[in-house]
Amino acid sequence: MYKRSDSDEFIVNTETGAHIPANPYNADWQRYQAWLAEGNTPGPAYSLDELMAKVSLAIEDEANTRVDAATSSDPRAKRKALAKSIRLLRKELKGTASPSDLAYLNAQEAVVEYIEALEATAAVNIAWVQNPARTEAELEAFDPASSITWPTLA
């Protein structure tokens, strides 16, 4: 009938989906307290499948944040960088690329390799999360920012 929420400030009524604040004057909170007094225990905030999906999404978000930090989160800036790389590649094919043009292309290639490494790292960790052997405690303790050794941009 009730389950925990992400916050200790609320409990969730599983029948209505209502988030009940921990307020002693709230009638729903009073009913919840009576339900507890009968010896009942609220369920976890997430089922194991929901927790796996939540942690997997957090891993993807962390990887995307790192990609944005390396490439700019602005789509226009990304398009400009891509267009510049294409122009410089054409110059390189014609043999007219300058050393600075080649240095720019090498830097762009390093960013692409970094993004590929981020994607591979995210995939490995998502596979770990989605392993049926994972426990609720392992998933709740997993923090993509600190539990994963992410590649660095060289």
Protein backbone atom coordinates (compact mmCIF):
# COMPACT_ATOMS: atom_id res chain seq x y z
CA MET A 1 0.00 0.00 0.00
CA TYR A 2 2.98 2.33 0.65
CA LYS A 3 6.56 2.60 -0.54
CA ARG A 4 9.48 4.85 0.21
CA SER A 5 10.32 7.77 -2.06
CA ASP A 6 13.63 9.28 -3.14
CA SER A 7 13.25 11.70 -0.28
CA ASP A 8 12.75 11.03 3.42
CA GLU A 9 10.27 13.89 3.36
CA PHE A 10 7.63 11.81 1.54
CA ILE A 11 6.09 8.37 1.41
CA VAL A 12 4.26 7.15 -1.71
CA ASN A 13 0.79 5.64 -1.67
CA THR A 14 1.16 2.84 -4.23
CA GLU A 15 -2.60 2.72 -4.90
CA THR A 16 -2.96 6.41 -5.79
CA GLY A 17 0.62 7.41 -6.58
CA ALA A 18 0.25 10.30 -4.14
CA HIS A 19 3.38 11.61 -2.43
CA ILE A 20 2.47 12.07 1.21
CA PRO A 21 4.50 14.64 3.11
CA ALA A 22 5.82 13.78 6.58
CA ASN A 23 3.42 16.20 8.22
CA PRO A 24 1.62 15.08 11.40
CA TYR A 25 -1.39 17.25 10.48
CA ASN A 26 -1.84 15.61 7.07
CA ALA A 27 -4.69 13.06 7.09
CA ASP A 28 -2.87 10.78 4.62
CA TRP A 29 0.24 10.87 6.81
CA GLN A 30 -1.89 9.96 9.83
CA ARG A 31 -3.36 6.97 7.91
CA TYR A 32 0.16 5.93 6.95
CA GLN A 33 1.29 6.13 10.61
CA ALA A 34 -1.68 3.97 11.63
CA TRP A 35 -0.76 1.47 8.88
CA LEU A 36 2.81 1.35 10.27
CA ALA A 37 1.48 0.89 13.81
CA GLU A 38 -0.31 -2.27 12.57
CA GLY A 39 3.15 -3.73 11.87
CA ASN A 40 3.35 -2.97 8.17
CA THR A 41 6.52 -1.91 6.39
CA PRO A 42 6.73 0.31 3.30
CA GLY A 43 8.25 -1.15 0.16
CA PRO A 44 11.45 0.12 -1.42
CA ALA A 45 11.35 3.32 -3.49
CA TYR A 46 12.19 1.33 -6.62
CA SER A 47 11.81 -2.22 -7.78
CA LEU A 48 15.10 -3.84 -8.79
CA ASP A 49 14.22 -3.31 -12.49
CA GLU A 50 13.38 0.35 -11.86
CA LEU A 51 16.63 0.80 -9.94
CA MET A 52 18.62 -0.81 -12.76
CA ALA A 53 17.00 1.54 -15.27
CA LYS A 54 17.61 4.57 -13.03
CA VAL A 55 21.30 3.76 -12.54
CA SER A 56 21.77 2.96 -16.25
CA LEU A 57 20.28 6.34 -17.15
CA ALA A 58 22.56 8.03 -14.61
CA ILE A 59 25.58 6.39 -16.29
CA GLU A 60 24.44 7.63 -19.70
CA ASP A 61 23.88 11.12 -18.30
CA GLU A 62 27.36 11.18 -16.75
CA ALA A 63 28.94 10.07 -20.05
CA ASN A 64 26.98 12.74 -21.95
CA THR A 65 28.05 15.39 -19.46
CA ARG A 66 31.66 14.42 -20.06
CA VAL A 67 31.18 14.50 -23.84
CA ASP A 68 29.63 17.96 -23.57
CA ALA A 69 32.54 19.15 -21.43
CA ALA A 70 34.97 18.01 -24.13
CA THR A 71 33.02 19.23 -27.14
CA SER A 72 30.70 22.03 -25.98
CA SER A 73 27.07 21.37 -25.23
CA ASP A 74 26.05 23.90 -27.87
CA PRO A 75 24.90 22.08 -31.04
CA ARG A 76 25.95 25.04 -33.21
CA ALA A 77 29.50 24.88 -31.83
CA LYS A 78 29.60 21.14 -32.55
CA ARG A 79 28.45 21.72 -36.14
CA LYS A 80 31.07 24.45 -36.62
CA ALA A 81 33.84 22.18 -35.34
CA LEU A 82 32.69 19.39 -37.64
CA ALA A 83 32.54 21.74 -40.64
CA LYS A 84 36.04 23.05 -39.87
CA SER A 85 37.36 19.49 -39.61
CA ILE A 86 35.85 18.61 -42.98
CA ARG A 87 37.41 21.70 -44.60
CA LEU A 88 40.81 20.85 -43.11
CA LEU A 89 40.55 17.22 -44.19
CA ARG A 90 39.92 18.41 -47.75
CA LYS A 91 43.01 20.59 -47.50
CA GLU A 92 45.01 17.64 -46.18
CA LEU A 93 43.87 15.47 -49.09
CA LYS A 94 45.00 18.17 -51.52
CA GLY A 95 48.32 18.45 -49.71
CA THR A 96 47.70 22.09 -48.74
CA ALA A 97 47.09 21.66 -45.01
CA SER A 98 49.37 23.70 -42.76
CA PRO A 99 50.99 22.31 -39.60
CA SER A 100 48.37 24.15 -37.51
CA ASP A 101 45.60 22.60 -39.65
CA LEU A 102 47.07 19.15 -38.97
CA ALA A 103 47.41 19.90 -35.27
CA TYR A 104 43.71 20.85 -35.16
CA LEU A 105 42.76 17.60 -36.92
CA ASN A 106 44.89 15.60 -34.49
CA ALA A 107 43.17 17.31 -31.56
CA GLN A 108 39.76 16.53 -33.05
CA GLU A 109 40.80 12.91 -33.54
CA ALA A 110 41.82 12.74 -29.87
CA VAL A 111 38.37 14.04 -28.87
CA VAL A 112 36.69 11.40 -31.05
CA GLU A 113 38.82 8.67 -29.43
CA TYR A 114 37.93 10.05 -26.00
CA ILE A 115 34.21 9.96 -26.82
CA GLU A 116 34.54 6.38 -28.04
CA ALA A 117 36.30 5.46 -24.79
CA LEU A 118 33.50 7.16 -22.79
CA GLU A 119 30.88 5.20 -24.72
CA ALA A 120 32.71 1.92 -24.16
CA THR A 121 33.11 2.65 -20.44
CA ALA A 122 29.41 3.50 -20.14
CA ALA A 123 28.43 0.30 -21.97
CA VAL A 124 30.56 -1.90 -19.71
CA ASN A 125 29.11 -0.30 -16.59
CA ILE A 126 25.52 -0.47 -17.84
CA ALA A 127 26.05 -4.19 -18.51
CA TRP A 128 27.32 -4.52 -14.91
CA VAL A 129 24.24 -2.70 -13.60
CA GLN A 130 21.84 -4.83 -15.63
CA ASN A 131 23.35 -8.11 -14.46
CA PRO A 132 20.55 -10.00 -12.66
CA ALA A 133 23.00 -10.77 -9.84
CA ARG A 134 23.05 -7.08 -8.79
CA THR A 135 21.52 -6.34 -5.43
CA GLU A 136 19.47 -3.34 -4.42
CA ALA A 137 22.25 -2.28 -2.03
CA GLU A 138 24.88 -2.40 -4.80
CA LEU A 139 22.72 -0.33 -7.11
CA GLU A 140 21.79 2.22 -4.47
CA ALA A 141 25.46 2.69 -3.58
CA PHE A 142 26.54 3.06 -7.22
CA ASP A 143 27.40 6.64 -8.21
CA PRO A 144 28.46 7.04 -11.85
CA ALA A 145 30.62 10.06 -11.06
CA SER A 146 32.67 8.28 -8.39
CA SER A 147 32.11 4.53 -8.90
CA ILE A 148 33.45 4.51 -12.46
CA THR A 149 36.99 5.16 -13.58
CA TRP A 150 36.22 7.32 -16.59
CA PRO A 151 38.78 7.85 -19.35
CA THR A 152 40.48 11.22 -19.52
CA LEU A 153 41.06 13.42 -22.52
CA ALA A 154 44.75 13.25 -23.35
